[in-house]
C-alpha atoms as a PDB file:
ATOM      1  CA  MET A   1    -164.840  65.053 -67.395  1.00  0.00           C
ATOM      2  CA  PRO A   2    -161.008  64.525 -67.270  1.00  0.00           C
ATOM      3  CA  ARG A   3    -159.729  61.606 -68.929  1.00  0.00           C
ATOM      4  CA  ALA A   4    -156.621  59.274 -67.076  1.00  0.00           C
ATOM      5  CA  ARG A   5    -153.471  59.319 -69.561  1.00  0.00           C
ATOM      6  CA  ALA A   6    -151.553  56.037 -69.119  1.00  0.00           C
ATOM      7  CA  GLY A   7    -148.775  56.128 -66.932  1.00  0.00           C
ATOM      8  CA  GLU A   8    -150.476  58.942 -64.818  1.00  0.00           C
ATOM      9  CA  PRO A   9    -150.886  58.385 -61.167  1.00  0.00           C
ATOM     10  CA  PRO A  10    -154.394  58.101 -60.037  1.00  0.00           C
ATOM     11  CA  THR A  11    -156.476  61.248 -58.520  1.00  0.00           C
ATOM     12  CA  ALA A  12    -158.655  58.973 -55.804  1.00  0.00           C
ATOM     13  CA  VAL A  13    -158.944  55.968 -53.890  1.00  0.00           C
ATOM     14  CA  PHE A  14    -161.964  54.302 -53.082  1.00  0.00           C
ATOM     15  CA  ALA A  15    -160.979  51.961 -49.658  1.00  0.00           C
ATOM     16  CA  GLU A  16    -162.996  49.076 -48.742  1.00  0.00           C
ATOM     17  CA  GLN A  17    -163.278  50.249 -45.211  1.00  0.00           C
ATOM     18  CA  ASP A  18    -162.813  53.542 -43.174  1.00  0.00           C
ATOM     19  CA  GLU A  19    -159.718  51.565 -41.330  1.00  0.00           C
ATOM     20  CA  VAL A  20    -158.046  51.025 -44.904  1.00  0.00           C
ATOM     21  CA  ALA A  21    -158.498  54.115 -45.663  1.00  0.00           C
ATOM     22  CA  VAL A  22    -157.206  56.091 -42.758  1.00  0.00           C
ATOM     23  CA  ALA A  23    -154.144  53.762 -42.506  1.00  0.00           C
ATOM     24  CA  LEU A  24    -153.662  54.799 -46.509  1.00  0.00           C
ATOM     25  CA  ILE A  25    -153.651  58.571 -45.624  1.00  0.00           C
ATOM     26  CA  TRP A  26    -151.274  57.774 -43.149  1.00  0.00           C
ATOM     27  CA  ASN A  27    -149.002  56.209 -45.158  1.00  0.00           C
ATOM     28  CA  LEU A  28    -149.435  58.732 -48.667  1.00  0.00           C
ATOM     29  CA  ARG A  29    -148.675  61.483 -45.815  1.00  0.00           C
ATOM     30  CA  ARG A  30    -145.656  59.557 -44.711  1.00  0.00           C
ATOM     31  CA  THR A  31    -144.408  59.577 -47.970  1.00  0.00           C
ATOM     32  CA  GLN A  32    -145.254  63.196 -48.553  1.00  0.00           C
ATOM     33  CA  ILE A  33    -148.219  62.606 -50.843  1.00  0.00           C
ATOM     34  CA  ALA A  34    -150.335  65.564 -50.000  1.00  0.00           C
ATOM     35  CA  VAL A  35    -154.070  64.484 -49.264  1.00  0.00           C
ATOM     36  CA  PRO A  36    -156.373  65.858 -50.943  1.00  0.00           C
ATOM     37  CA  GLU A  37    -154.454  68.095 -52.604  1.00  0.00           C
ATOM     38  CA  ARG A  38    -152.490  65.367 -54.484  1.00  0.00           C
ATOM     39  CA  ILE A  39    -155.115  62.216 -54.410  1.00  0.00           C
ATOM     40  CA  SER A  40    -158.664  61.994 -52.623  1.00  0.00           C
ATOM     41  CA  VAL A  41    -159.354  59.426 -50.168  1.00  0.00           C
ATOM     42  CA  LEU A  42    -162.474  58.086 -49.738  1.00  0.00           C
ATOM     43  CA  GLY A  43    -163.452  54.955 -46.641  1.00  0.00           C
ATOM     44  CA  PHE A  44    -166.666  53.307 -46.193  1.00  0.00           C
ATOM     45  CA  ASP A  45    -169.037  52.468 -43.652  1.00  0.00           C
ATOM     46  CA  ASP A  46    -168.848  55.648 -41.101  1.00  0.00           C
ATOM     47  CA  GLN A  47    -167.156  54.311 -38.622  1.00  0.00           C
ATOM     48  CA  PRO A  48    -166.720  56.464 -35.703  1.00  0.00           C
ATOM     49  CA  LEU A  49    -163.173  56.881 -36.669  1.00  0.00           C
ATOM     50  CA  ALA A  50    -164.058  58.533 -40.136  1.00  0.00           C
ATOM     51  CA  ASP A  51    -165.407  61.550 -37.957  1.00  0.00           C
ATOM     52  CA  TRP A  52    -162.417  61.539 -35.685  1.00  0.00           C
ATOM     53  CA  PHE A  53    -159.830  61.708 -39.087  1.00  0.00           C
ATOM     54  CA  ASP A  54    -162.147  64.125 -41.016  1.00  0.00           C
ATOM     55  CA  LEU A  55    -162.693  61.549 -43.768  1.00  0.00           C
ATOM     56  CA  SER A  56    -164.729  61.431 -46.400  1.00  0.00           C
ATOM     57  CA  THR A  57    -167.026  58.599 -46.817  1.00  0.00           C
ATOM     58  CA  VAL A  58    -169.777  56.094 -48.161  1.00  0.00           C
ATOM     59  CA  ALA A  59    -172.497  55.691 -45.135  1.00  0.00           C
ATOM     60  CA  GLN A  60    -174.991  53.293 -44.975  1.00  0.00           C
ATOM     61  CA  SER A  61    -177.973  51.782 -42.513  1.00  0.00           C
ATOM     62  CA  PRO A  62    -176.390  48.661 -40.176  1.00  0.00           C
ATOM     63  CA  SER A  63    -180.394  49.085 -38.697  1.00  0.00           C
ATOM     64  CA  ASP A  64    -181.310  48.596 -42.512  1.00  0.00           C
ATOM     65  CA  MET A  65    -178.822  45.737 -43.263  1.00  0.00           C
ATOM     66  CA  GLY A  66    -179.800  44.021 -39.940  1.00  0.00           C
ATOM     67  CA  ARG A  67    -184.000  44.246 -40.270  1.00  0.00           C
ATOM     68  CA  GLU A  68    -183.236  43.245 -44.357  1.00  0.00           C
ATOM     69  CA  ALA A  69    -181.086  40.282 -42.816  1.00  0.00           C
ATOM     70  CA  GLY A  70    -183.531  39.340 -40.005  1.00  0.00           C
ATOM     71  CA  GLU A  71    -186.598  39.066 -42.674  1.00  0.00           C
ATOM     72  CA  LEU A  72    -184.609  37.155 -45.124  1.00  0.00           C
ATOM     73  CA  ALA A  73    -183.179  34.771 -42.356  1.00  0.00           C
ATOM     74  CA  LEU A  74    -187.484  34.287 -41.302  1.00  0.00           C
ATOM     75  CA  LYS A  75    -188.489  33.919 -44.919  1.00  0.00           C
ATOM     76  CA  LEU A  76    -185.625  30.870 -44.859  1.00  0.00           C
ATOM     77  CA  ILE A  77    -186.820  29.156 -41.865  1.00  0.00           C
ATOM     78  CA  ASP A  78    -190.695  29.557 -43.031  1.00  0.00           C
ATOM     79  CA  ASP A  79    -189.632  27.772 -46.989  1.00  0.00           C
ATOM     80  CA  ALA A  80    -186.502  26.089 -46.634  1.00  0.00           C
ATOM     81  CA  GLU A  81    -186.970  24.758 -49.983  1.00  0.00           C
ATOM     82  CA  GLY A  82    -187.709  27.973 -51.636  1.00  0.00           C
ATOM     83  CA  GLU A  83    -186.083  30.041 -54.204  1.00  0.00           C
ATOM     84  CA  HIS A  84    -184.525  32.809 -52.018  1.00  0.00           C
ATOM     85  CA  GLY A  85    -181.810  34.213 -54.253  1.00  0.00           C
ATOM     86  CA  ARG A  86    -182.260  38.163 -54.613  1.00  0.00           C
ATOM     87  CA  HIS A  87    -180.338  40.768 -54.951  1.00  0.00           C
ATOM     88  CA  LEU A  88    -180.973  43.717 -52.384  1.00  0.00           C
ATOM     89  CA  VAL A  89    -179.512  47.194 -52.769  1.00  0.00           C
ATOM     90  CA  LEU A  90    -179.853  49.692 -49.742  1.00  0.00           C
ATOM     91  CA  PRO A  91    -179.659  53.184 -49.893  1.00  0.00           C
ATOM     92  CA  THR A  92    -176.300  54.845 -48.453  1.00  0.00           C
ATOM     93  CA  HIS A  93    -175.127  58.226 -48.912  1.00  0.00           C
ATOM     94  CA  VAL A  94    -171.777  60.118 -49.903  1.00  0.00           C
ATOM     95  CA  ILE A  95    -170.401  62.212 -46.184  1.00  0.00           C
ATOM     96  CA  PRO A  96    -167.652  64.572 -47.844  1.00  0.00           C
ATOM     97  CA  ARG A  97    -164.948  65.694 -45.176  1.00  0.00           C
ATOM     98  CA  SER A  98    -161.424  66.993 -45.466  1.00  0.00           C
ATOM     99  CA  THR A  99    -159.785  63.944 -47.269  1.00  0.00           C
ATOM    100  CA  THR A 100    -161.743  64.369 -51.146  1.00  0.00           C
ATOM    101  CA  ALA A 101    -161.144  67.478 -53.354  1.00  0.00           C
ATOM    102  CA  PRO A 102    -162.522  67.562 -57.180  1.00  0.00           C
ATOM    103  CA  VAL A 103    -160.268  66.787 -59.457  1.00  0.00           C
ATOM    104  CA  ALA A 104    -157.853  69.696 -61.114  1.00  0.00           C
ATOM    105  CA  GLN A 105    -158.586  70.642 -64.258  1.00  0.00           C
ATOM    106  CA  PRO A 106    -155.714  71.157 -66.392  1.00  0.00           C
ATOM    107  CA  ALA A 107    -155.270  74.818 -67.557  1.00  0.00           C
ATOM    108  CA  ASP A 108    -155.209  73.600 -71.354  1.00  0.00           C
ATOM    109  CA  GLN A 109    -158.119  71.096 -71.185  1.00  0.00           C
ATOM    110  CA  SER A 110    -160.677  72.217 -73.436  1.00  0.00           C
ATOM    111  CA  LEU A 111    -164.194  71.840 -72.012  1.00  0.00           C
ATOM    112  CA  SER A 112    -165.697  69.587 -75.129  1.00  0.00           C
ATOM    113  CA  GLU A 113    -163.671  66.697 -74.098  1.00  0.00           C
END
């Protein structure tokens, strides 16, 4: 895996929301920075605009999140004095589209790095 060198621009940006990723792509292209040729952009949430703009994104299940939030709310109602601190990780998956590309390998880079 190639390592970043000090002073080199990033090869990818992960935006916290698809809307932010789309705005970033618009600004990058406006300043003539090619996406994904020069920098990849990945959004989060798989909103409809991600499909419209062919944005690579991380998808999550709103129904799973709602179900888990509802179950936690019921536990809080049933046992208001109880210990409810819990960390829950729900599954996600990447939807690759046209805004991401593999990192270019420099011609002189050895495979042992």
